[in-house]
Amino acid sequence: MTQTKKKRIAFVGAGNVAWHLAQALAAAGHDVKAVYSRSRTSREALTGKLPQAQPIKTPDFRSFDLEMVIIAVPDAALADVAAALKVSPGALVVHTSGSQPLALLQQVKGARVGVFYPLQTFSKIKPVDLAQVPLLVEALDEETLHQLESLAKSISNQVYQVSSEARKQLHLAAVFACNFTNHLLGISQQLLQEANLPKQLLQPLIEETITKAAQQNPFAVQTGPAVRGDGNVLQAHLQLLEQHPTYASLYRQLSKSIQEQAQSGSGKTDKV
């Protein structure tokens, strides 16, 4: 991380992303001056963590001496928020979405626009070291891009310039790597609970799987009954899933995908 000139910043949204970003920026010396959220409870909870911030009831920031407004809201709400946002001429407005284009913010009157996307999963109940989180930035001009890079480097050691199209593909990859993986881990814990087995049994396996996938081509080190072609094991597993038809469908689709990938010859498979 590098030191940068202190910025005067406001947030739209007080959810998981804003919760972590706002506190990290404040800790880096930036002045987070205001937080708007439709939820009074949420905006007051976040400003309670920020020594200089005020909770406000409307997304009108013209009375604040701001350099930047960071929009951290769900993707479905982003267009409406951008349309309602009011900022002083020349202020920089950015969003934190992985899937939405930079162009969506061009409807904000009088503003310069950009993207400030942290590639991480956030929950308020768990601390995150943003210094290790990739921050992806995008802007329409070099000066704005430089400002975003400078801000990003004040809280993260990994800063990248990524276009809207590439960021959309990255977000898709992240959904597979994080959201789908997390869902499958939830299924595995449920299956253990049904057998009265402790979830800790899977922890070494999970850790080794993630470590190995980070070091190797995951397709090349795939293991398990699907890649080995153990049809009797696959059928036995499906019988155990008879009370969970949705999980059984997932099992079939994932097993089929594993087999098709192995047959495509993308890499030597580990059949241990």
Foldseek 3Di string as FASTA:
>chain_A
DDQDPAFEEEEEDQFFVCLQVVLLSVVLPHHHAEYEYCDPVRRVVSVVSHPRYDYDHFQACAVPPGQEYEYEDDPVCVLVNLQRHHYDAAHEYEYADLQDAQVSNPNNPRYFYKYWHWLDDGDPVDDDQQQDTEIEMEGDDDVVRVVSQNSSNSRYPHYYYDHNVRSNVVVVVSCVVPVVVVVVLVVVCVVCVVVVHDSVVCVVVVVVLVVVVVVDVNLQADEDCLCVVVVVVLVVVLVVCPVPVVVSVVSVVVSVVSNVSVVVPPYHYDYD
